[in-house]
Amino acid sequence: MKNLENTKHVNLKHERRRFIISTLSAGLAMAISPLYAQSVTSGNQAGGIKSEQGNPEPLLQDSGVSVIKLFLCGDVMTGRGIDQVLPHPGNPALYEGYMKSAEGYVTLAEEANGRIATPVDFSYIWGDALAELKARKPDLRIINLETAITRSNDVQEKPVNYRMSPDNIPCLTAANIECCALANNHVLDWGYPGLVETLDTLKKAGIKTTGAGANIQEAKAPAVMPVSGKGRVLVFSFGSETSGIPRSWAAAAGKPGVNLLPDFSPKTVRDIRHHIGALKRTGDIVVASIHWGSNWGYQVPREQQEFARWLIDDAGVDIVYGHSSHHVKGIEVYQGKLILYGCGDFLTDYEGISGHEAYRGDLSLMYFPSVEPADGKLIKLDMVPLQMKRFRLNLASRKDALWLAELLNREGGKFKTGVELVADTLMLRWTG
């Protein structure tokens, strides 16, 4: 890719990188039963890692045909730089402080990790994740898609705007993505025309959506995902202003937009309960995708924890699928139900952007929760560590996998969860 005109100016390049990271900051295993968890961790400290050396223990297999296994991940941001390396790059024009072309993000990635042989094929960005998906055979593949899929030039006044050319939609179908949650702070980056085109493109590709629509009824409607011989999964997508979603983006009667939470109050939970209760059948699994919180920091605000627990206690939610943080956060199992407070980033064009390196935003996880349809309780959670390099997902090194394990043990300790690394899989354990 061609460098931007000012790339050769070292001082300006550093200034540009500092600006980019500042705007990002501003704008923006497997699980086992408690009994098994106690047996494998007996005699170990809560934060310890088992199987660091020697032969790994065999992975437990799902027992029972009724178990539903999902694939979840952090934010999928296929716009901007990633769009430029795909076969049909869209208009690269940007309106950021010092970055005026999406090609600049390709330049930053290449400066950091080497040349990207463009154009890449549609499956390239998923890298080693494709083999993991094939081997682990999830029943459904669900993502938070944090980009507009559009040719619209109706740019919104925001620090950062993401768009991907509709002609590059095969990069999602290459991974057989079945559902996109859209209640986030980038789906309307290119205005209402951009939202309409995003929804239309995903529909034509056979990908279900939730969290955004032509009106509040459409935005609130779940993606209903039948699982042959096992039941249904209902995916609801919610967004919070705490993630940077403008209040003006909220859908209303006769107004397009996203399914924006007014707050994290008990009244909001009651409203959600009434909506879910009217749709949920016996045996359905309900996933609440929530885009919330700041980009950086491991602390889980009390209001988020209370809200997640209330959704489980009072609204019939079985899995809380939280995202917005640019890094992995702690995991909780509450009343037997999974709460992912922050799944981190998954596919992004952040390579080469300096700042916040201590959070290791280049590392990500594939989450494979298995749940029992009868009561929605978590049976196990497998997590596969990956690293983004040259806009491709690669299996993380053992050193990096252990770094993630240490992080999840430290941050999960307050929720009585931890992980152990077995082969290339982080396995969740919990008590209570």
Protein backbone atom coordinates (compact mmCIF):
# COMPACT_ATOMS: atom_id res chain seq x y z
CA MET A 1 0.00 0.00 0.00
CA LYS A 2 1.13 3.57 -0.61
CA ASN A 3 2.27 5.54 2.40
CA LEU A 4 0.42 8.71 3.25
CA GLU A 5 2.13 11.86 2.06
CA ASN A 6 3.32 12.68 5.56
CA THR A 7 4.46 9.19 6.55
CA LYS A 8 8.11 10.05 5.94
CA HIS A 9 7.96 12.82 8.50
CA VAL A 10 8.84 11.00 11.71
CA ASN A 11 7.68 13.63 14.16
CA LEU A 12 4.31 14.02 12.51
CA LYS A 13 3.92 10.23 12.38
CA HIS A 14 4.39 9.95 16.14
CA GLU A 15 2.00 12.86 16.66
CA ARG A 16 -0.54 11.14 14.46
CA ARG A 17 -0.28 7.91 16.43
CA ARG A 18 -0.71 9.72 19.72
CA PHE A 19 -3.79 11.45 18.33
CA ILE A 20 -5.30 8.20 17.07
CA ILE A 21 -4.95 6.44 20.39
CA SER A 22 -6.32 9.44 22.26
CA THR A 23 -9.42 9.53 20.06
CA LEU A 24 -9.89 5.79 20.48
CA SER A 25 -9.81 6.29 24.23
CA ALA A 26 -12.20 9.25 24.14
CA GLY A 27 -14.67 8.03 21.54
CA LEU A 28 -14.98 5.14 22.16
CA ALA A 29 -11.34 -23.86 29.22
CA MET A 30 -13.60 -24.67 28.60
CA ALA A 31 -16.00 -24.28 31.37
CA ILE A 32 -16.59 -27.09 33.74
CA SER A 33 -19.04 -27.96 36.47
CA PRO A 34 -18.26 -26.70 39.95
CA LEU A 35 -17.60 -30.27 41.14
CA TYR A 36 -15.06 -30.89 38.37
CA ALA A 37 -13.56 -27.45 38.94
CA GLN A 38 -12.94 -28.32 42.58
CA SER A 39 -11.38 -31.65 41.69
CA VAL A 40 -8.85 -30.26 39.22
CA THR A 41 -7.90 -27.28 41.36
CA SER A 42 -7.62 -29.05 44.70
CA GLY A 43 -4.40 -28.03 46.36
CA ASN A 44 -3.74 -25.17 43.93
CA GLN A 45 -3.99 -21.47 44.68
CA ALA A 46 -6.96 -19.67 43.15
CA GLY A 47 -4.86 -17.87 40.59
CA GLY A 48 -2.68 -20.79 39.55
CA ILE A 49 -2.31 -22.30 36.09
CA LYS A 50 -2.54 -26.06 35.71
CA SER A 51 -0.90 -28.13 32.99
CA GLU A 52 1.78 -25.52 32.24
CA GLN A 53 4.20 -28.36 31.69
CA GLY A 54 3.89 -32.04 30.86
CA ASN A 55 1.12 -33.83 29.02
CA PRO A 56 -2.14 -31.91 28.94
CA GLU A 57 -5.29 -33.45 30.32
CA PRO A 58 -7.78 -34.54 27.65
CA LEU A 59 -10.54 -32.04 27.02
CA LEU A 60 -13.97 -33.01 28.29
CA GLN A 61 -16.50 -33.53 25.56
CA ASP A 62 -20.06 -32.23 25.49
CA SER A 63 -22.35 -34.92 26.85
CA GLY A 64 -25.89 -35.01 25.56
CA VAL A 65 -27.22 -34.12 22.15
CA SER A 66 -29.30 -31.30 23.64
CA VAL A 67 -26.31 -29.16 24.60
CA ILE A 68 -26.16 -25.90 22.64
CA LYS A 69 -22.71 -24.54 21.84
CA LEU A 70 -22.19 -20.97 20.65
CA PHE A 71 -19.33 -19.00 19.19
CA LEU A 72 -18.98 -15.48 20.58
CA CYS A 73 -16.11 -13.03 20.26
CA GLY A 74 -15.04 -9.44 20.82
CA ASP A 75 -15.71 -6.53 18.50
CA VAL A 76 -15.51 -7.27 14.78
CA MET A 77 -14.40 -4.09 12.99
CA THR A 78 -13.92 -4.93 9.33
CA GLY A 79 -14.05 -1.32 8.14
CA ARG A 80 -11.36 1.24 7.52
CA GLY A 81 -7.92 -0.43 7.20
CA ILE A 82 -9.23 -3.98 6.92
CA ASP A 83 -11.65 -2.92 4.20
CA GLN A 84 -8.70 -1.56 2.22
CA VAL A 85 -6.85 -4.91 2.06
CA LEU A 86 -9.92 -6.92 1.01
CA PRO A 87 -10.71 -7.56 -2.68
CA HIS A 88 -13.09 -4.60 -3.09
CA PRO A 89 -11.91 -1.65 -0.98
CA GLY A 90 -14.34 1.20 -0.61
CA ASN A 91 -13.72 4.93 -0.52
CA PRO A 92 -10.75 5.34 1.88
CA ALA A 93 -11.59 8.95 2.81
CA LEU A 94 -11.60 9.61 6.56
CA TYR A 95 -12.34 12.69 8.61
CA GLU A 96 -10.17 12.00 11.63
CA GLY A 97 -7.77 14.54 13.08
CA TYR A 98 -4.54 13.45 11.37
CA MET A 99 -5.65 10.40 9.40
CA LYS A 100 -7.41 11.31 6.18
CA SER A 101 -7.23 7.95 4.42
CA ALA A 102 -8.02 4.43 5.61
CA GLU A 103 -4.90 3.35 3.74
CA GLY A 104 -2.95 4.99 6.54
CA TYR A 105 -4.01 2.22 8.92
CA VAL A 106 -2.64 -0.35 6.51
CA THR A 107 0.63 1.58 6.49
CA LEU A 108 0.78 1.55 10.30
CA ALA A 109 0.17 -2.22 10.41
CA GLU A 110 2.85 -2.87 7.80
CA GLU A 111 5.35 -0.67 9.62
CA ALA A 112 4.70 -2.69 12.78
CA ASN A 113 4.58 -6.26 11.46
CA GLY A 114 5.55 -6.42 7.80
CA ARG A 115 3.99 -6.22 4.37
CA ILE A 116 0.41 -7.35 3.72
CA ALA A 117 0.14 -8.88 0.25
CA THR A 118 -2.98 -7.14 -0.98
CA PRO A 119 -5.59 -7.86 -1.97
CA VAL A 120 -6.12 -10.66 0.53
CA ASP A 121 -8.88 -13.21 0.02
CA PHE A 122 -12.08 -12.91 2.03
CA SER A 123 -11.14 -15.66 4.50
CA TYR A 124 -7.66 -14.24 5.17
CA ILE A 125 -8.60 -12.04 8.12
CA TRP A 126 -10.02 -14.99 10.10
CA GLY A 127 -6.76 -16.91 9.82
CA ASP A 128 -6.45 -19.72 12.37
CA ALA A 129 -9.92 -18.99 13.72
CA LEU A 130 -11.46 -20.82 10.77
CA ALA A 131 -9.83 -24.11 11.70
CA GLU A 132 -10.98 -23.68 15.29
CA LEU A 133 -14.55 -23.05 14.17
CA LYS A 134 -14.45 -26.14 11.97
CA ALA A 135 -13.03 -28.34 14.72
CA ARG A 136 -15.24 -27.11 17.56
CA LYS A 137 -18.48 -27.09 15.56
CA PRO A 138 -20.55 -24.43 17.35
CA ASP A 139 -24.27 -24.56 16.68
CA LEU A 140 -24.39 -20.81 16.07
CA ARG A 141 -21.86 -18.07 15.29
CA ILE A 142 -22.70 -14.68 16.76
CA ILE A 143 -20.66 -11.46 16.61
CA ASN A 144 -20.88 -7.79 17.52
CA LEU A 145 -20.34 -6.13 14.15
CA GLU A 146 -18.94 -2.69 14.85
CA THR A 147 -18.82 -1.11 11.42
CA ALA A 148 -21.25 0.22 8.83
CA ILE A 149 -21.40 -1.72 5.57
CA THR A 150 -22.05 1.08 3.14
CA ARG A 151 -20.94 3.43 0.39
CA SER A 152 -22.62 6.34 2.15
CA ASN A 153 -20.66 9.57 2.53
CA ASP A 154 -23.00 10.93 5.21
CA VAL A 155 -20.23 11.04 7.80
CA GLN A 156 -21.27 11.73 11.39
CA GLU A 157 -19.37 14.15 13.60
CA LYS A 158 -17.39 11.64 15.66
CA PRO A 159 -13.67 11.15 16.36
CA VAL A 160 -13.63 7.82 14.45
CA ASN A 161 -15.89 6.46 11.69
CA TYR A 162 -15.91 2.90 10.33
CA ARG A 163 -17.28 1.66 7.02
CA MET A 164 -16.73 -1.39 4.86
CA SER A 165 -17.67 -1.71 1.21
CA PRO A 166 -20.81 -3.85 0.71
CA ASP A 167 -18.82 -5.75 -1.92
CA ASN A 168 -16.64 -7.10 0.90
CA ILE A 169 -19.52 -8.79 2.73
CA PRO A 170 -18.05 -12.22 1.80
CA CYS A 171 -15.47 -11.62 4.55
CA LEU A 172 -18.28 -12.37 7.02
CA THR A 173 -19.87 -15.24 5.14
CA ALA A 174 -16.39 -16.79 4.80
CA ALA A 175 -16.65 -17.57 8.52
CA ASN A 176 -20.33 -18.56 8.27
CA ILE A 177 -21.38 -15.79 10.64
CA GLU A 178 -25.09 -16.23 11.34
CA CYS A 179 -25.99 -13.27 13.53
CA CYS A 180 -24.69 -9.72 13.95
CA ALA A 181 -25.52 -7.64 17.02
CA LEU A 182 -25.65 -4.01 15.89
CA ALA A 183 -26.48 -1.88 18.94
CA ASN A 184 -23.06 -0.22 19.16
CA ASN A 185 -21.31 3.11 18.63
CA HIS A 186 -20.22 2.62 15.00
CA VAL A 187 -23.19 1.18 13.09
CA LEU A 188 -24.49 4.70 12.36
CA ASP A 189 -21.11 6.26 11.65
CA TRP A 190 -22.25 7.07 8.10
CA GLY A 191 -25.76 8.22 8.87
CA TYR A 192 -29.17 6.69 8.32
CA PRO A 193 -28.43 5.86 4.66
CA GLY A 194 -25.44 3.89 5.92
CA LEU A 195 -27.60 2.02 8.43
CA VAL A 196 -30.20 1.13 5.81
CA GLU A 197 -27.52 -0.20 3.48
CA THR A 198 -25.89 -2.15 6.31
CA LEU A 199 -29.14 -3.89 7.20
CA ASP A 200 -29.96 -4.60 3.56
CA THR A 201 -26.49 -6.00 2.82
CA LEU A 202 -26.56 -8.33 5.82
CA LYS A 203 -30.07 -9.51 4.98
CA LYS A 204 -29.09 -10.31 1.39
CA ALA A 205 -26.10 -12.25 2.72
CA GLY A 206 -28.41 -14.37 4.88
CA ILE A 207 -27.07 -12.97 8.16
CA LYS A 208 -29.63 -12.16 10.86
CA THR A 209 -29.41 -8.89 12.76
CA THR A 210 -30.63 -7.44 16.03
CA GLY A 211 -30.18 -4.15 17.85
CA ALA A 212 -30.79 -1.71 14.99
CA GLY A 213 -33.63 -1.09 12.59
CA ALA A 214 -35.97 1.27 10.81
CA ASN A 215 -37.85 1.91 14.08
CA ILE A 216 -37.76 0.92 17.74
CA GLN A 217 -39.82 -2.23 17.11
CA GLU A 218 -37.25 -3.51 14.61
CA ALA A 219 -34.30 -2.45 16.76
CA LYS A 220 -35.67 -4.28 19.82
CA ALA A 221 -36.61 -7.44 17.93
CA PRO A 222 -34.37 -10.43 18.63
CA ALA A 223 -32.62 -12.55 16.07
CA VAL A 224 -34.43 -15.88 16.40
CA MET A 225 -31.97 -18.68 15.68
CA PRO A 226 -33.36 -22.23 15.46
CA VAL A 227 -30.91 -25.00 16.35
CA SER A 228 -31.97 -28.24 14.70
CA GLY A 229 -33.08 -30.84 17.22
CA LYS A 230 -32.10 -28.67 20.19
CA GLY A 231 -34.37 -25.64 20.37
CA ARG A 232 -33.91 -21.93 19.70
CA VAL A 233 -31.51 -19.15 20.63
CA LEU A 234 -32.91 -15.62 20.90
CA VAL A 235 -30.29 -12.88 20.57
CA PHE A 236 -31.20 -9.41 21.85
CA SER A 237 -28.82 -6.51 21.26
CA PHE A 238 -28.62 -3.51 23.58
CA GLY A 239 -26.36 -0.47 23.56
CA SER A 240 -25.43 1.98 26.32
CA GLU A 241 -24.34 5.60 26.13
CA THR A 242 -21.42 4.55 28.37
CA SER A 243 -19.82 2.99 25.28
CA GLY A 244 -19.98 6.24 23.31
CA ILE A 245 -23.30 5.76 21.53
CA PRO A 246 -24.88 9.19 20.99
CA ARG A 247 -28.31 9.56 22.56
CA SER A 248 -29.55 10.84 19.18
CA TRP A 249 -28.96 7.39 17.70
CA ALA A 250 -31.75 5.83 19.75
CA ALA A 251 -34.45 4.27 17.61
CA ALA A 252 -38.02 5.44 18.21
CA ALA A 253 -41.46 5.01 16.69
CA GLY A 254 -40.96 5.96 13.05
CA LYS A 255 -37.27 6.77 13.60
CA PRO A 256 -34.36 4.50 12.60
CA GLY A 257 -31.60 3.81 15.07
CA VAL A 258 -30.25 1.43 17.68
CA ASN A 259 -31.79 -0.27 20.70
CA LEU A 260 -30.36 2.11 23.28
CA LEU A 261 -30.73 1.45 26.99
CA PRO A 262 -32.02 4.49 28.88
CA ASP A 263 -30.04 3.41 31.96
CA PHE A 264 -29.21 0.34 34.07
CA SER A 265 -32.18 0.75 36.43
CA PRO A 266 -34.63 -1.86 37.71
CA LYS A 267 -37.31 -0.21 35.55
CA THR A 268 -35.23 -0.86 32.43
CA VAL A 269 -34.87 -4.48 33.51
CA ARG A 270 -38.62 -4.76 33.97
CA ASP A 271 -39.19 -3.41 30.46
CA ILE A 272 -36.73 -5.94 29.07
CA ARG A 273 -38.39 -8.72 31.06
CA HIS A 274 -41.79 -7.92 29.53
CA HIS A 275 -40.32 -7.89 26.04
CA ILE A 276 -38.40 -11.16 26.46
CA GLY A 277 -41.27 -12.81 28.29
CA ALA A 278 -43.59 -12.23 25.37
CA LEU A 279 -41.23 -14.08 23.03
CA LYS A 280 -39.34 -16.70 25.03
CA ARG A 281 -40.58 -20.28 24.94
CA THR A 282 -39.68 -23.16 27.20
CA GLY A 283 -36.27 -24.43 26.15
CA ASP A 284 -35.17 -21.19 24.49
CA ILE A 285 -31.74 -19.78 25.27
CA VAL A 286 -31.65 -15.98 25.56
CA VAL A 287 -28.44 -14.08 24.81
CA ALA A 288 -28.26 -10.40 25.78
CA SER A 289 -25.55 -8.67 23.74
CA ILE A 290 -24.64 -5.40 25.50
CA HIS A 291 -22.26 -2.75 24.18
CA TRP A 292 -21.28 -0.89 27.33
CA GLY A 293 -18.47 0.79 29.21
CA SER A 294 -15.18 2.43 28.39
CA ASN A 295 -12.49 1.13 26.05
CA TRP A 296 -9.74 0.71 28.65
CA GLY A 297 -9.62 -0.55 32.21
CA TYR A 298 -10.38 -3.85 33.93
CA GLN A 299 -12.77 -2.61 36.58
CA VAL A 300 -16.37 -3.72 36.16
CA PRO A 301 -18.62 -0.89 37.36
CA ARG A 302 -21.05 -1.91 40.05
CA GLU A 303 -24.00 -0.79 37.92
CA GLN A 304 -22.96 -3.17 35.14
CA GLN A 305 -22.63 -6.11 37.51
CA GLU A 306 -26.00 -5.39 39.11
CA PHE A 307 -27.65 -4.96 35.71
CA ALA A 308 -26.20 -8.24 34.38
CA ARG A 309 -27.38 -10.12 37.47
CA TRP A 310 -30.83 -8.53 37.32
CA LEU A 311 -31.16 -9.60 33.68
CA ILE A 312 -30.53 -13.19 34.79
CA ASP A 313 -32.67 -13.05 37.93
CA ASP A 314 -35.62 -11.11 36.56
CA ALA A 315 -35.59 -10.93 32.75
CA GLY A 316 -34.97 -14.52 31.66
CA VAL A 317 -31.50 -13.92 30.20
CA ASP A 318 -29.17 -16.94 30.05
CA ILE A 319 -25.95 -15.39 28.68
CA VAL A 320 -24.80 -11.79 29.08
CA TYR A 321 -22.46 -11.06 26.16
CA GLY A 322 -20.72 -7.80 26.98
CA HIS A 323 -18.32 -5.85 24.80
CA SER A 324 -16.77 -2.44 24.10
CA SER A 325 -13.48 -2.75 26.00
CA HIS A 326 -10.45 -3.07 23.72
CA HIS A 327 -9.15 -5.91 25.88
CA VAL A 328 -10.47 -8.99 27.66
CA LYS A 329 -12.12 -8.49 31.07
CA GLY A 330 -13.15 -10.75 33.94
CA ILE A 331 -15.81 -13.46 33.65
CA GLU A 332 -18.58 -14.33 36.09
CA VAL A 333 -20.87 -17.34 36.41
CA TYR A 334 -23.93 -16.16 38.32
CA GLN A 335 -26.73 -18.56 39.27
CA GLY A 336 -25.12 -20.94 36.80
CA LYS A 337 -25.40 -18.39 33.95
CA LEU A 338 -22.47 -16.91 32.01
CA ILE A 339 -21.61 -13.19 32.21
CA LEU A 340 -18.91 -11.91 29.85
CA TYR A 341 -18.27 -8.35 31.01
CA GLY A 342 -15.90 -7.48 28.18
CA CYS A 343 -14.85 -9.73 25.31
CA GLY A 344 -12.19 -7.34 24.00
CA ASP A 345 -11.47 -6.66 20.36
CA PHE A 346 -11.39 -9.46 17.79
CA LEU A 347 -10.87 -8.15 14.25
CA THR A 348 -9.46 -4.60 14.12
CA ASP A 349 -7.01 -2.36 12.25
CA TYR A 350 -5.24 -1.13 15.40
CA GLU A 351 -1.80 -2.57 14.63
CA GLY A 352 0.96 -0.02 14.92
CA ILE A 353 -1.06 2.40 17.03
CA SER A 354 0.96 3.18 20.14
CA GLY A 355 -0.45 3.61 23.62
CA HIS A 356 -2.10 1.28 26.14
CA GLU A 357 0.30 -1.52 25.21
CA ALA A 358 0.06 -2.95 28.74
CA TYR A 359 -3.50 -4.09 27.99
CA ARG A 360 -2.31 -6.27 25.06
CA GLY A 361 -5.16 -5.30 22.77
CA ASP A 362 -3.53 -7.43 20.07
CA LEU A 363 -4.63 -10.56 21.97
CA SER A 364 -8.18 -11.85 21.71
CA LEU A 365 -10.32 -14.85 22.58
CA MET A 366 -12.78 -17.07 20.82
CA TYR A 367 -15.51 -17.94 23.34
CA PHE A 368 -17.30 -21.29 23.01
CA PRO A 369 -19.94 -21.57 25.75
CA SER A 370 -21.97 -24.77 25.99
CA VAL A 371 -25.31 -24.45 27.76
CA GLU A 372 -28.17 -26.72 28.74
CA PRO A 373 -31.38 -25.71 26.93
CA ALA A 374 -33.59 -26.95 29.76
CA ASP A 375 -32.41 -24.25 32.17
CA GLY A 376 -29.84 -22.17 30.28
CA LYS A 377 -27.08 -23.03 32.72
CA LEU A 378 -23.47 -23.08 31.64
CA ILE A 379 -21.96 -26.52 31.21
CA LYS A 380 -18.53 -25.45 30.03
CA LEU A 381 -16.65 -22.63 28.35
CA ASP A 382 -13.70 -23.14 26.02
CA MET A 383 -11.66 -20.11 25.02
CA VAL A 384 -9.05 -20.04 22.27
CA PRO A 385 -6.35 -17.33 22.52
CA LEU A 386 -5.44 -15.53 19.29
CA GLN A 387 -3.20 -12.67 18.22
CA MET A 388 -3.87 -10.16 15.44
CA LYS A 389 -0.91 -9.60 13.12
CA ARG A 390 -0.95 -8.19 9.58
CA PHE A 391 -4.74 -8.04 9.86
CA ARG A 392 -4.91 -11.83 10.37
CA LEU A 393 -5.90 -13.86 13.42
CA ASN A 394 -3.18 -16.30 14.48
CA LEU A 395 -3.05 -18.80 17.33
CA ALA A 396 -1.36 -17.08 20.25
CA SER A 397 1.99 -18.29 21.51
CA ARG A 398 2.04 -20.27 24.74
CA LYS A 399 3.62 -17.27 26.46
CA ASP A 400 0.76 -15.02 25.35
CA ALA A 401 -1.84 -17.66 26.25
CA LEU A 402 -0.39 -17.84 29.75
CA TRP A 403 -0.49 -14.03 29.95
CA LEU A 404 -4.21 -14.16 29.18
CA ALA A 405 -4.68 -16.96 31.71
CA GLU A 406 -3.00 -14.88 34.41
CA LEU A 407 -5.22 -11.92 33.49
CA LEU A 408 -8.43 -13.95 33.64
CA ASN A 409 -7.43 -15.50 36.96
CA ARG A 410 -6.63 -12.11 38.44
CA GLU A 411 -9.74 -10.34 37.17
CA GLY A 412 -12.02 -13.36 37.61
CA GLY A 413 -10.95 -13.90 41.20
CA LYS A 414 -13.47 -11.34 42.46
CA PHE A 415 -16.19 -13.35 40.68
CA LYS A 416 -14.86 -16.73 41.90
CA THR A 417 -13.80 -17.77 38.41
CA GLY A 418 -10.45 -18.78 37.00
CA VAL A 419 -8.95 -20.60 34.04
CA GLU A 420 -6.43 -23.30 33.29
CA LEU A 421 -4.51 -23.71 30.06
CA VAL A 422 -4.79 -27.16 28.51
CA ALA A 423 -3.11 -27.51 25.11
CA ASP A 424 -4.28 -24.42 23.22
CA THR A 425 -7.51 -23.97 25.19
CA LEU A 426 -8.28 -21.82 28.23
CA MET A 427 -10.86 -23.66 30.33
CA LEU A 428 -13.07 -21.74 32.70
CA ARG A 429 -13.58 -23.04 36.24
CA TRP A 430 -15.88 -21.59 38.82
CA THR A 431 -17.34 -22.21 42.25
CA GLY A 432 -20.77 -21.54 43.64
